[in-house]
């Protein structure tokens, strides 16, 4: 099981520690570093900055939002950064949800998310393989465009630039059972959001062995500390925001996942409190047991014991969100 550093997306502004953490992760032998985007900073610019200040560590997006760019634009970002970094790019994609897609990107959330995702990946892979002009008779991403408001003058094209790697890995963020099942078929890897090292098979409905070379890269908040309850507070804050604020109360994929993990009533309560503006109460309503199950928090000995559970499953890459270099070093030592 390899280690990665997950930096996430910016808040009010760029983090003054991100680049130092990325460099430290590279020095410690971490395999990858990952950036994200929501409705503020984008994933690719920050990743390019990190690429310019490192030399070996792989560079991933976890995740770049599909609604933000056409699939060909995303493929252009990926092949460009792959060239500039010497073949270090890992392309992680996510569909997001109706609140973000329609509220921020100003476009309709697809009525068939599975079809939209499948078409998007198809186009990206066609660009990267450059075996011929990109063509797709698709519902959401037709190439060339053939809608009634088009000119009819579009023609199939293939990228002018030859991609450095035709098989640049494409990973998908997926939570629902059908989405996970499709990800196993069409992508090169999977970016689970909440991962239980002891209940992953039942939570995600994974019954068959994964194919050789398929990447499973969940994120985990890690912190070496003596006070477990205090260390779990940032995990609960993240969960409170995702479950309460990252989606509508009627359609929130993160809350649905929490429900499938056995905390349905608690998830609805978090949503209710968050929607009522009682955000601190929403965070405190997140069960400690749930936050603890999906994180690595506590003294070194406790983390070592729990890390062993993560190694038993299909995880190939553990993407660590850590607040300090000491935690990064501890995990590197324990995973060696």
C-alpha atoms as a PDB file:
ATOM      1  CA  UNK A   1       0.000   0.000   0.000  1.00  0.00           C
ATOM      2  CA  UNK A   2       1.541   3.261  -1.173  1.00  0.00           C
ATOM      3  CA  UNK A   3       1.049   6.621   0.492  1.00  0.00           C
ATOM      4  CA  UNK A   4      -0.178   9.819  -1.114  1.00  0.00           C
ATOM      5  CA  UNK A   5      -0.640  13.331   0.219  1.00  0.00           C
ATOM      6  CA  UNK A   6      -4.109  14.835  -0.285  1.00  0.00           C
ATOM      7  CA  UNK A   7      -4.032  18.637  -0.123  1.00  0.00           C
ATOM      8  CA  UNK A   8      -7.666  19.197  -1.089  1.00  0.00           C
ATOM      9  CA  UNK A   9      -8.865  22.570  -2.365  1.00  0.00           C
ATOM     10  CA  UNK A  10      -8.132  26.069  -1.123  1.00  0.00           C
ATOM     11  CA  UNK A  11     -10.360  27.842   1.326  1.00  0.00           C
ATOM     12  CA  UNK A  12     -10.210  31.611   1.477  1.00  0.00           C
ATOM     13  CA  UNK A  13      -6.777  31.581  -0.139  1.00  0.00           C
ATOM     14  CA  UNK A  14      -3.783  29.354  -0.881  1.00  0.00           C
ATOM     15  CA  UNK A  15      -2.413  27.433   2.061  1.00  0.00           C
ATOM     16  CA  UNK A  16       1.069  28.608   3.046  1.00  0.00           C
ATOM     17  CA  UNK A  17       2.037  25.048   4.001  1.00  0.00           C
ATOM     18  CA  UNK A  18       0.922  23.054   0.941  1.00  0.00           C
ATOM     19  CA  UNK A  19       4.133  23.296  -1.041  1.00  0.00           C
ATOM     20  CA  UNK A  20       6.291  22.485   1.983  1.00  0.00           C
ATOM     21  CA  UNK A  21       4.113  19.460   2.757  1.00  0.00           C
ATOM     22  CA  UNK A  22       4.369  18.284  -0.865  1.00  0.00           C
ATOM     23  CA  UNK A  23       8.146  18.572  -0.801  1.00  0.00           C
ATOM     24  CA  UNK A  24       8.321  16.759   2.537  1.00  0.00           C
ATOM     25  CA  UNK A  25       6.079  13.998   1.206  1.00  0.00           C
ATOM     26  CA  UNK A  26       8.387  13.562  -1.781  1.00  0.00           C
ATOM     27  CA  UNK A  27      11.423  13.434   0.496  1.00  0.00           C
ATOM     28  CA  UNK A  28       9.721  10.782   2.631  1.00  0.00           C
ATOM     29  CA  UNK A  29       9.009   8.607  -0.380  1.00  0.00           C
ATOM     30  CA  UNK A  30       5.292   9.287  -0.774  1.00  0.00           C
ATOM     31  CA  UNK A  31       4.103   8.086  -4.162  1.00  0.00           C
ATOM     32  CA  UNK A  32       1.708  10.907  -5.015  1.00  0.00           C
ATOM     33  CA  UNK A  33       0.273  14.317  -4.113  1.00  0.00           C
ATOM     34  CA  UNK A  34      -3.324  15.303  -4.926  1.00  0.00           C
ATOM     35  CA  UNK A  35      -5.248  18.555  -5.322  1.00  0.00           C
ATOM     36  CA  UNK A  36      -8.983  19.180  -5.564  1.00  0.00           C
ATOM     37  CA  UNK A  37     -11.545  21.812  -6.518  1.00  0.00           C
ATOM     38  CA  UNK A  38     -14.991  22.863  -5.330  1.00  0.00           C
ATOM     39  CA  UNK A  39     -16.203  26.402  -6.146  1.00  0.00           C
ATOM     40  CA  UNK A  40     -13.025  28.415  -5.710  1.00  0.00           C
ATOM     41  CA  UNK A  41      -9.509  27.364  -6.671  1.00  0.00           C
ATOM     42  CA  UNK A  42      -9.083  24.916  -9.535  1.00  0.00           C
ATOM     43  CA  UNK A  43      -7.225  21.620  -9.281  1.00  0.00           C
ATOM     44  CA  UNK A  44      -4.823  21.849 -12.219  1.00  0.00           C
ATOM     45  CA  UNK A  45      -3.126  25.193 -11.543  1.00  0.00           C
ATOM     46  CA  UNK A  46      -2.110  24.275  -8.000  1.00  0.00           C
ATOM     47  CA  UNK A  47      -0.923  20.874  -9.203  1.00  0.00           C
ATOM     48  CA  UNK A  48       1.207  22.478 -11.919  1.00  0.00           C
ATOM     49  CA  UNK A  49       2.825  24.734  -9.304  1.00  0.00           C
ATOM     50  CA  UNK A  50       3.679  21.668  -7.217  1.00  0.00           C
ATOM     51  CA  UNK A  51       5.003  19.888 -10.304  1.00  0.00           C
ATOM     52  CA  UNK A  52       7.421  22.745 -10.932  1.00  0.00           C
ATOM     53  CA  UNK A  53       8.831  22.429  -7.399  1.00  0.00           C
ATOM     54  CA  UNK A  54       9.163  18.622  -7.243  1.00  0.00           C
ATOM     55  CA  UNK A  55      10.798  16.001  -9.402  1.00  0.00           C
ATOM     56  CA  UNK A  56       9.566  12.482  -8.591  1.00  0.00           C
ATOM     57  CA  UNK A  57       6.250  12.466  -6.774  1.00  0.00           C
ATOM     58  CA  UNK A  58       3.179  11.621  -8.893  1.00  0.00           C
ATOM     59  CA  UNK A  59       0.591  14.352  -9.404  1.00  0.00           C
ATOM     60  CA  UNK A  60      -3.116  13.650  -9.066  1.00  0.00           C
ATOM     61  CA  UNK A  61      -6.464  15.435  -9.090  1.00  0.00           C
ATOM     62  CA  UNK A  62      -8.861  14.160  -6.437  1.00  0.00           C
ATOM     63  CA  UNK A  63     -11.011  15.321  -7.920  1.00  0.00           C
ATOM     64  CA  UNK A  64     -11.328  17.552 -10.959  1.00  0.00           C
ATOM     65  CA  UNK A  65     -15.001  18.230 -11.559  1.00  0.00           C
ATOM     66  CA  UNK A  66     -16.424  17.074 -14.871  1.00  0.00           C
ATOM     67  CA  UNK A  67     -18.906  19.942 -15.071  1.00  0.00           C
ATOM     68  CA  UNK A  68     -16.046  22.450 -15.002  1.00  0.00           C
ATOM     69  CA  UNK A  69     -14.679  21.456 -18.397  1.00  0.00           C
ATOM     70  CA  UNK A  70     -15.566  19.562 -21.518  1.00  0.00           C
ATOM     71  CA  UNK A  71     -13.917  16.143 -21.626  1.00  0.00           C
ATOM     72  CA  UNK A  72     -11.527  17.272 -24.355  1.00  0.00           C
ATOM     73  CA  UNK A  73     -10.464  20.290 -22.283  1.00  0.00           C
ATOM     74  CA  UNK A  74      -9.813  18.017 -19.312  1.00  0.00           C
ATOM     75  CA  UNK A  75      -7.779  15.674 -21.495  1.00  0.00           C
ATOM     76  CA  UNK A  76      -5.751  18.671 -22.724  1.00  0.00           C
ATOM     77  CA  UNK A  77      -4.997  19.669 -19.121  1.00  0.00           C
ATOM     78  CA  UNK A  78      -3.907  16.128 -18.301  1.00  0.00           C
ATOM     79  CA  UNK A  79      -1.707  15.533 -21.332  1.00  0.00           C
ATOM     80  CA  UNK A  80      -0.084  18.962 -20.968  1.00  0.00           C
ATOM     81  CA  UNK A  81       0.806  18.468 -17.311  1.00  0.00           C
ATOM     82  CA  UNK A  82       1.919  14.908 -18.020  1.00  0.00           C
ATOM     83  CA  UNK A  83       4.432  16.249 -20.558  1.00  0.00           C
ATOM     84  CA  UNK A  84       5.645  19.078 -18.321  1.00  0.00           C
ATOM     85  CA  UNK A  85       6.124  16.764 -15.337  1.00  0.00           C
ATOM     86  CA  UNK A  86       7.792  13.914 -17.187  1.00  0.00           C
ATOM     87  CA  UNK A  87       4.891  11.466 -16.991  1.00  0.00           C
ATOM     88  CA  UNK A  88       3.715  11.978 -13.410  1.00  0.00           C
ATOM     89  CA  UNK A  89       0.036  12.803 -13.982  1.00  0.00           C
ATOM     90  CA  UNK A  90      -2.895  10.854 -12.465  1.00  0.00           C
ATOM     91  CA  UNK A  91      -6.304  12.135 -13.595  1.00  0.00           C
ATOM     92  CA  UNK A  92      -9.024  11.839 -10.966  1.00  0.00           C
ATOM     93  CA  UNK A  93     -12.517  12.940 -11.999  1.00  0.00           C
ATOM     94  CA  UNK A  94     -15.799  13.446 -10.186  1.00  0.00           C
ATOM     95  CA  UNK A  95     -19.323  14.319 -11.295  1.00  0.00           C
ATOM     96  CA  UNK A  96     -20.190  16.348  -8.158  1.00  0.00           C
ATOM     97  CA  UNK A  97     -23.887  16.906  -7.428  1.00  0.00           C
ATOM     98  CA  UNK A  98     -26.834  19.001  -8.587  1.00  0.00           C
ATOM     99  CA  UNK A  99     -26.179  21.840  -6.132  1.00  0.00           C
ATOM    100  CA  UNK A 100     -22.682  22.480  -7.489  1.00  0.00           C
ATOM    101  CA  UNK A 101     -23.265  21.579 -11.141  1.00  0.00           C
ATOM    102  CA  UNK A 102     -26.348  23.756 -11.501  1.00  0.00           C
ATOM    103  CA  UNK A 103     -25.595  26.358  -8.848  1.00  0.00           C
ATOM    104  CA  UNK A 104     -21.939  27.006  -9.662  1.00  0.00           C
ATOM    105  CA  UNK A 105     -21.315  25.793 -13.194  1.00  0.00           C
ATOM    106  CA  UNK A 106     -24.709  26.860 -14.481  1.00  0.00           C
ATOM    107  CA  UNK A 107     -25.514  23.720 -16.394  1.00  0.00           C
ATOM    108  CA  UNK A 108     -28.063  20.956 -15.861  1.00  0.00           C
ATOM    109  CA  UNK A 109     -27.129  17.986 -13.733  1.00  0.00           C
ATOM    110  CA  UNK A 110     -27.419  14.941 -16.016  1.00  0.00           C
ATOM    111  CA  UNK A 111     -30.597  12.925 -15.649  1.00  0.00           C
ATOM    112  CA  UNK A 112     -28.480   9.832 -16.246  1.00  0.00           C
ATOM    113  CA  UNK A 113     -25.264  10.414 -14.285  1.00  0.00           C
ATOM    114  CA  UNK A 114     -23.855   7.009 -15.168  1.00  0.00           C
ATOM    115  CA  UNK A 115     -24.227   7.660 -18.897  1.00  0.00           C
ATOM    116  CA  UNK A 116     -22.708  11.141 -18.596  1.00  0.00           C
ATOM    117  CA  UNK A 117     -19.713   9.788 -16.678  1.00  0.00           C
ATOM    118  CA  UNK A 118     -19.187   6.895 -19.075  1.00  0.00           C
ATOM    119  CA  UNK A 119     -19.247   9.212 -22.104  1.00  0.00           C
ATOM    120  CA  UNK A 120     -16.875  11.676 -20.427  1.00  0.00           C
ATOM    121  CA  UNK A 121     -14.307   8.980 -19.701  1.00  0.00           C
ATOM    122  CA  UNK A 122     -14.669   7.595 -23.219  1.00  0.00           C
ATOM    123  CA  UNK A 123     -13.811  10.953 -24.789  1.00  0.00           C
ATOM    124  CA  UNK A 124     -10.886  11.580 -22.411  1.00  0.00           C
ATOM    125  CA  UNK A 125      -9.408   8.178 -23.192  1.00  0.00           C
ATOM    126  CA  UNK A 126      -9.851   8.689 -26.944  1.00  0.00           C
ATOM    127  CA  UNK A 127      -7.853  11.926 -26.719  1.00  0.00           C
ATOM    128  CA  UNK A 128      -5.083  10.323 -24.673  1.00  0.00           C
ATOM    129  CA  UNK A 129      -4.768   7.298 -26.942  1.00  0.00           C
ATOM    130  CA  UNK A 130      -4.795   9.421 -30.113  1.00  0.00           C
ATOM    131  CA  UNK A 131      -5.677   6.468 -32.297  1.00  0.00           C
ATOM    132  CA  UNK A 132      -7.880   8.611 -34.503  1.00  0.00           C
ATOM    133  CA  UNK A 133     -10.246  11.583 -34.460  1.00  0.00           C
ATOM    134  CA  UNK A 134     -12.523  11.743 -31.427  1.00  0.00           C
ATOM    135  CA  UNK A 135     -16.020  10.523 -32.263  1.00  0.00           C
ATOM    136  CA  UNK A 136     -18.907   9.651 -29.994  1.00  0.00           C
ATOM    137  CA  UNK A 137     -22.597   9.295 -30.704  1.00  0.00           C
ATOM    138  CA  UNK A 138     -23.394  10.343 -27.171  1.00  0.00           C
ATOM    139  CA  UNK A 139     -26.305  11.768 -25.243  1.00  0.00           C
ATOM    140  CA  UNK A 140     -24.238  14.231 -23.182  1.00  0.00           C
ATOM    141  CA  UNK A 141     -20.880  14.514 -24.941  1.00  0.00           C
ATOM    142  CA  UNK A 142     -21.409  13.960 -28.678  1.00  0.00           C
ATOM    143  CA  UNK A 143     -18.376  14.476 -30.883  1.00  0.00           C
ATOM    144  CA  UNK A 144     -18.750  16.223 -33.234  1.00  0.00           C
ATOM    145  CA  UNK A 145     -21.625  18.191 -31.753  1.00  0.00           C
ATOM    146  CA  UNK A 146     -24.839  17.433 -33.634  1.00  0.00           C
ATOM    147  CA  UNK A 147     -27.514  19.302 -31.685  1.00  0.00           C
ATOM    148  CA  UNK A 148     -30.269  21.322 -33.339  1.00  0.00           C
ATOM    149  CA  UNK A 149     -28.590  24.612 -32.347  1.00  0.00           C
ATOM    150  CA  UNK A 150     -25.292  23.683 -34.023  1.00  0.00           C
ATOM    151  CA  UNK A 151     -23.982  24.721 -37.429  1.00  0.00           C
ATOM    152  CA  UNK A 152     -23.380  21.197 -38.660  1.00  0.00           C
ATOM    153  CA  UNK A 153     -19.832  22.227 -39.620  1.00  0.00           C
ATOM    154  CA  UNK A 154     -17.970  20.412 -36.853  1.00  0.00           C
ATOM    155  CA  UNK A 155     -15.608  17.656 -37.897  1.00  0.00           C
ATOM    156  CA  UNK A 156     -13.860  14.945 -35.896  1.00  0.00           C
ATOM    157  CA  UNK A 157     -10.408  15.985 -34.669  1.00  0.00           C
ATOM    158  CA  UNK A 158      -7.563  14.343 -32.837  1.00  0.00           C
ATOM    159  CA  UNK A 159      -5.099  16.199 -30.604  1.00  0.00           C
ATOM    160  CA  UNK A 160      -2.292  18.042 -32.337  1.00  0.00           C
ATOM    161  CA  UNK A 161      -0.034  17.237 -29.406  1.00  0.00           C
ATOM    162  CA  UNK A 162       1.003  13.616 -29.052  1.00  0.00           C
ATOM    163  CA  UNK A 163       0.216  12.545 -25.460  1.00  0.00           C
ATOM    164  CA  UNK A 164       3.232  11.356 -23.526  1.00  0.00           C
ATOM    165  CA  UNK A 165       1.339   8.303 -22.210  1.00  0.00           C
ATOM    166  CA  UNK A 166      -1.619   6.787 -24.015  1.00  0.00           C
ATOM    167  CA  UNK A 167      -2.616   4.926 -20.861  1.00  0.00           C
ATOM    168  CA  UNK A 168      -2.413   7.829 -18.428  1.00  0.00           C
ATOM    169  CA  UNK A 169      -4.471   6.564 -15.439  1.00  0.00           C
ATOM    170  CA  UNK A 170      -8.021   7.876 -15.156  1.00  0.00           C
ATOM    171  CA  UNK A 171      -9.648   7.465 -11.733  1.00  0.00           C
ATOM    172  CA  UNK A 172     -13.215   8.234 -10.713  1.00  0.00           C
ATOM    173  CA  UNK A 173     -14.733   9.436  -7.476  1.00  0.00           C
ATOM    174  CA  UNK A 174     -17.755   7.189  -6.927  1.00  0.00           C
ATOM    175  CA  UNK A 175     -20.027   6.589  -3.934  1.00  0.00           C
ATOM    176  CA  UNK A 176     -23.247   4.858  -5.009  1.00  0.00           C
ATOM    177  CA  UNK A 177     -23.208   1.102  -5.741  1.00  0.00           C
ATOM    178  CA  UNK A 178     -24.067   1.493  -9.437  1.00  0.00           C
ATOM    179  CA  UNK A 179     -21.488   4.253  -9.868  1.00  0.00           C
ATOM    180  CA  UNK A 180     -18.845   2.134  -8.143  1.00  0.00           C
ATOM    181  CA  UNK A 181     -19.698  -0.866 -10.335  1.00  0.00           C
ATOM    182  CA  UNK A 182     -19.339   1.247 -13.480  1.00  0.00           C
ATOM    183  CA  UNK A 183     -16.061   2.732 -12.219  1.00  0.00           C
ATOM    184  CA  UNK A 184     -14.623  -0.775 -11.922  1.00  0.00           C
ATOM    185  CA  UNK A 185     -15.480  -1.324 -15.588  1.00  0.00           C
ATOM    186  CA  UNK A 186     -14.520   1.919 -17.322  1.00  0.00           C
ATOM    187  CA  UNK A 187     -11.774   3.537 -15.211  1.00  0.00           C
ATOM    188  CA  UNK A 188      -8.236   2.684 -14.161  1.00  0.00           C
ATOM    189  CA  UNK A 189      -8.873   3.458 -10.518  1.00  0.00           C
ATOM    190  CA  UNK A 190     -11.354   4.516  -7.875  1.00  0.00           C
ATOM    191  CA  UNK A 191     -11.273   7.377  -5.372  1.00  0.00           C
ATOM    192  CA  UNK A 192     -13.621   6.431  -2.496  1.00  0.00           C
ATOM    193  CA  UNK A 193     -14.576   9.287  -0.198  1.00  0.00           C
ATOM    194  CA  UNK A 194     -15.278   7.445   3.068  1.00  0.00           C
ATOM    195  CA  UNK A 195     -13.499   4.139   3.514  1.00  0.00           C
ATOM    196  CA  UNK A 196     -14.069   1.692   6.317  1.00  0.00           C
ATOM    197  CA  UNK A 197     -11.081  -0.665   6.510  1.00  0.00           C
ATOM    198  CA  UNK A 198     -13.266  -3.352   8.096  1.00  0.00           C
ATOM    199  CA  UNK A 199     -16.584  -2.905   6.246  1.00  0.00           C
ATOM    200  CA  UNK A 200     -15.598  -1.792   2.732  1.00  0.00           C
ATOM    201  CA  UNK A 201     -17.016  -4.874   0.978  1.00  0.00           C
ATOM    202  CA  UNK A 202     -20.512  -4.540   2.435  1.00  0.00           C
ATOM    203  CA  UNK A 203     -20.608  -0.739   2.219  1.00  0.00           C
ATOM    204  CA  UNK A 204     -19.713  -0.622  -1.464  1.00  0.00           C
ATOM    205  CA  UNK A 205     -21.104  -3.980  -2.518  1.00  0.00           C
ATOM    206  CA  UNK A 206     -17.746  -5.336  -3.635  1.00  0.00           C
ATOM    207  CA  UNK A 207     -18.054  -9.083  -4.048  1.00  0.00           C
ATOM    208  CA  UNK A 208     -15.678  -9.948  -6.896  1.00  0.00           C
ATOM    209  CA  UNK A 209     -11.886  -9.477  -6.866  1.00  0.00           C
ATOM    210  CA  UNK A 210     -10.662  -6.294  -8.529  1.00  0.00           C
ATOM    211  CA  UNK A 211      -8.709  -6.620 -11.747  1.00  0.00           C
ATOM    212  CA  UNK A 212      -4.928  -6.498 -11.674  1.00  0.00           C
ATOM    213  CA  UNK A 213      -3.508  -2.988 -11.736  1.00  0.00           C
ATOM    214  CA  UNK A 214      -6.749  -1.300 -10.689  1.00  0.00           C
ATOM    215  CA  UNK A 215      -6.080   1.520  -8.225  1.00  0.00           C
ATOM    216  CA  UNK A 216      -8.117   1.967  -5.050  1.00  0.00           C
ATOM    217  CA  UNK A 217      -7.171   5.274  -3.457  1.00  0.00           C
ATOM    218  CA  UNK A 218      -9.346   6.413  -0.537  1.00  0.00           C
ATOM    219  CA  UNK A 219      -8.672   9.582   1.423  1.00  0.00           C
ATOM    220  CA  UNK A 220      -8.014   9.478   5.132  1.00  0.00           C
ATOM    221  CA  UNK A 221      -7.540  12.247   7.649  1.00  0.00           C
ATOM    222  CA  UNK A 222      -4.498  11.442   9.796  1.00  0.00           C
ATOM    223  CA  UNK A 223      -3.104  13.153  12.857  1.00  0.00           C
ATOM    224  CA  UNK A 224      -0.675  11.996  15.494  1.00  0.00           C
ATOM    225  CA  UNK A 225      -1.994  13.323  18.822  1.00  0.00           C
ATOM    226  CA  UNK A 226      -2.636  12.213  22.367  1.00  0.00           C
ATOM    227  CA  UNK A 227      -6.255  13.402  22.575  1.00  0.00           C
ATOM    228  CA  UNK A 228      -8.308  11.283  20.150  1.00  0.00           C
ATOM    229  CA  UNK A 229     -11.502  13.292  20.666  1.00  0.00           C
ATOM    230  CA  UNK A 230      -9.726  16.545  19.848  1.00  0.00           C
ATOM    231  CA  UNK A 231      -8.054  14.938  16.849  1.00  0.00           C
ATOM    232  CA  UNK A 232     -11.421  13.836  15.506  1.00  0.00           C
ATOM    233  CA  UNK A 233     -12.882  17.349  15.526  1.00  0.00           C
ATOM    234  CA  UNK A 234     -11.419  18.286  12.084  1.00  0.00           C
ATOM    235  CA  UNK A 235     -12.806  15.003  10.712  1.00  0.00           C
ATOM    236  CA  UNK A 236     -16.223  15.821  12.119  1.00  0.00           C
ATOM    237  CA  UNK A 237     -16.014  19.360  10.725  1.00  0.00           C
ATOM    238  CA  UNK A 238     -15.301  17.964   7.265  1.00  0.00           C
ATOM    239  CA  UNK A 239     -18.116  15.448   7.547  1.00  0.00           C
ATOM    240  CA  UNK A 240     -20.533  18.071   8.844  1.00  0.00           C
ATOM    241  CA  UNK A 241     -19.812  20.289   5.834  1.00  0.00           C
ATOM    242  CA  UNK A 242     -20.009  17.515   3.251  1.00  0.00           C
ATOM    243  CA  UNK A 243     -23.108  15.902   4.697  1.00  0.00           C
ATOM    244  CA  UNK A 244     -24.852  19.130   5.601  1.00  0.00           C
ATOM    245  CA  UNK A 245     -23.621  21.574   2.975  1.00  0.00           C
ATOM    246  CA  UNK A 246     -22.361  19.661  -0.053  1.00  0.00           C
ATOM    247  CA  UNK A 247     -25.713  18.968  -1.619  1.00  0.00           C
ATOM    248  CA  UNK A 248     -29.445  19.482  -1.171  1.00  0.00           C
ATOM    249  CA  UNK A 249     -31.275  17.833   1.695  1.00  0.00           C
ATOM    250  CA  UNK A 250     -33.296  15.905  -0.882  1.00  0.00           C
ATOM    251  CA  UNK A 251     -30.246  14.749  -2.847  1.00  0.00           C
ATOM    252  CA  UNK A 252     -26.905  14.465  -1.102  1.00  0.00           C
ATOM    253  CA  UNK A 253     -24.659  11.586  -2.148  1.00  0.00           C
ATOM    254  CA  UNK A 254     -22.421  12.010   0.913  1.00  0.00           C
ATOM    255  CA  UNK A 255     -25.357  11.742   3.313  1.00  0.00           C
ATOM    256  CA  UNK A 256     -26.627   8.704   1.423  1.00  0.00           C
ATOM    257  CA  UNK A 257     -23.251   7.011   1.829  1.00  0.00           C
ATOM    258  CA  UNK A 258     -23.195   7.771   5.548  1.00  0.00           C
ATOM    259  CA  UNK A 259     -26.643   6.208   5.762  1.00  0.00           C
ATOM    260  CA  UNK A 260     -25.450   3.040   4.020  1.00  0.00           C
ATOM    261  CA  UNK A 261     -22.663   2.863   6.591  1.00  0.00           C
ATOM    262  CA  UNK A 262     -25.253   2.577   9.361  1.00  0.00           C
ATOM    263  CA  UNK A 263     -25.749   6.202  10.341  1.00  0.00           C
ATOM    264  CA  UNK A 264     -28.861   7.220   8.409  1.00  0.00           C
ATOM    265  CA  UNK A 265     -30.655   8.961  11.285  1.00  0.00           C
ATOM    266  CA  UNK A 266     -27.486  10.783  12.287  1.00  0.00           C
ATOM    267  CA  UNK A 267     -26.885  11.911   8.702  1.00  0.00           C
ATOM    268  CA  UNK A 268     -30.388  13.409   8.456  1.00  0.00           C
ATOM    269  CA  UNK A 269     -29.895  15.170  11.780  1.00  0.00           C
ATOM    270  CA  UNK A 270     -26.638  16.711  10.565  1.00  0.00           C
ATOM    271  CA  UNK A 271     -28.432  17.917   7.436  1.00  0.00           C
ATOM    272  CA  UNK A 272     -31.265  19.438   9.449  1.00  0.00           C
ATOM    273  CA  UNK A 273     -28.919  21.318  11.763  1.00  0.00           C
ATOM    274  CA  UNK A 274     -26.736  22.567   8.932  1.00  0.00           C
ATOM    275  CA  UNK A 275     -29.731  23.747   6.906  1.00  0.00           C
ATOM    276  CA  UNK A 276     -30.999  25.619   9.967  1.00  0.00           C
ATOM    277  CA  UNK A 277     -27.724  27.508  10.223  1.00  0.00           C
ATOM    278  CA  UNK A 278     -26.651  25.620  13.357  1.00  0.00           C
ATOM    279  CA  UNK A 279     -23.342  24.538  11.907  1.00  0.00           C
ATOM    280  CA  UNK A 280     -21.448  23.978  15.145  1.00  0.00           C
ATOM    281  CA  UNK A 281     -24.228  21.713  16.358  1.00  0.00           C
ATOM    282  CA  UNK A 282     -24.167  19.894  13.009  1.00  0.00           C
ATOM    283  CA  UNK A 283     -20.479  19.138  13.438  1.00  0.00           C
ATOM    284  CA  UNK A 284     -20.958  17.901  16.989  1.00  0.00           C
ATOM    285  CA  UNK A 285     -23.845  15.702  15.809  1.00  0.00           C
ATOM    286  CA  UNK A 286     -21.468  13.666  13.646  1.00  0.00           C
ATOM    287  CA  UNK A 287     -20.878  10.457  15.646  1.00  0.00           C
ATOM    288  CA  UNK A 288     -17.337  10.021  16.942  1.00  0.00           C
ATOM    289  CA  UNK A 289     -17.546   6.341  15.958  1.00  0.00           C
ATOM    290  CA  UNK A 290     -18.165   7.223  12.309  1.00  0.00           C
ATOM    291  CA  UNK A 291     -15.402   9.839  12.187  1.00  0.00           C
ATOM    292  CA  UNK A 292     -12.991   7.443  13.872  1.00  0.00           C
ATOM    293  CA  UNK A 293     -13.805   4.548  11.555  1.00  0.00           C
ATOM    294  CA  UNK A 294     -12.710   6.448   8.441  1.00  0.00           C
ATOM    295  CA  UNK A 295      -9.640   8.216   9.877  1.00  0.00           C
ATOM    296  CA  UNK A 296      -6.258   7.578  11.500  1.00  0.00           C
ATOM    297  CA  UNK A 297      -6.139   9.715  14.618  1.00  0.00           C
ATOM    298  CA  UNK A 298      -4.413   9.299  17.974  1.00  0.00           C
ATOM    299  CA  UNK A 299      -1.060   8.266  19.444  1.00  0.00           C
ATOM    300  CA  UNK A 300       1.501   6.551  17.237  1.00  0.00           C
ATOM    301  CA  UNK A 301       0.736   3.097  18.674  1.00  0.00           C
ATOM    302  CA  UNK A 302      -2.990   3.476  17.980  1.00  0.00           C
ATOM    303  CA  UNK A 303      -2.366   4.596  14.410  1.00  0.00           C
ATOM    304  CA  UNK A 304       0.039   1.685  13.844  1.00  0.00           C
ATOM    305  CA  UNK A 305      -2.590  -0.805  14.982  1.00  0.00           C
ATOM    306  CA  UNK A 306      -5.317   0.720  12.851  1.00  0.00           C
ATOM    307  CA  UNK A 307      -3.068   1.146   9.802  1.00  0.00           C
ATOM    308  CA  UNK A 308      -2.635  -2.620   9.740  1.00  0.00           C
ATOM    309  CA  UNK A 309      -6.386  -2.925   9.052  1.00  0.00           C
ATOM    310  CA  UNK A 310      -6.108  -0.650   6.018  1.00  0.00           C
ATOM    311  CA  UNK A 311      -3.416  -2.900   4.557  1.00  0.00           C
ATOM    312  CA  UNK A 312      -5.649  -5.993   4.688  1.00  0.00           C
ATOM    313  CA  UNK A 313      -8.103  -4.749   2.068  1.00  0.00           C
ATOM    314  CA  UNK A 314      -7.779  -3.770  -1.606  1.00  0.00           C
ATOM    315  CA  UNK A 315      -6.379  -0.270  -0.985  1.00  0.00           C
ATOM    316  CA  UNK A 316      -3.405   0.372  -3.271  1.00  0.00           C
ATOM    317  CA  UNK A 317      -2.872   4.050  -2.403  1.00  0.00           C
ATOM    318  CA  UNK A 318      -3.788   5.701   0.890  1.00  0.00           C
ATOM    319  CA  UNK A 319      -4.262   9.436   0.294  1.00  0.00           C
ATOM    320  CA  UNK A 320      -3.437  11.158   3.551  1.00  0.00           C
ATOM    321  CA  UNK A 321      -4.768  14.529   4.623  1.00  0.00           C
ATOM    322  CA  UNK A 322      -2.354  15.550   7.376  1.00  0.00           C
ATOM    323  CA  UNK A 323      -1.892  18.887   9.120  1.00  0.00           C
ATOM    324  CA  UNK A 324       1.803  18.586   9.942  1.00  0.00           C
ATOM    325  CA  UNK A 325       5.085  17.042   8.733  1.00  0.00           C
ATOM    326  CA  UNK A 326       5.359  14.874  11.871  1.00  0.00           C
ATOM    327  CA  UNK A 327       2.219  12.976  10.946  1.00  0.00           C
ATOM    328  CA  UNK A 328       3.520  12.470   7.404  1.00  0.00           C
ATOM    329  CA  UNK A 329       6.805  11.139   8.774  1.00  0.00           C
ATOM    330  CA  UNK A 330       5.072   8.837  11.247  1.00  0.00           C
ATOM    331  CA  UNK A 331       2.910   7.268   8.559  1.00  0.00           C
ATOM    332  CA  UNK A 332       5.915   6.825   6.271  1.00  0.00           C
ATOM    333  CA  UNK A 333       7.766   5.024   9.059  1.00  0.00           C
ATOM    334  CA  UNK A 334       4.805   2.823   9.969  1.00  0.00           C
ATOM    335  CA  UNK A 335       4.089   1.910   6.336  1.00  0.00           C
ATOM    336  CA  UNK A 336       7.698   1.068   5.426  1.00  0.00           C
END
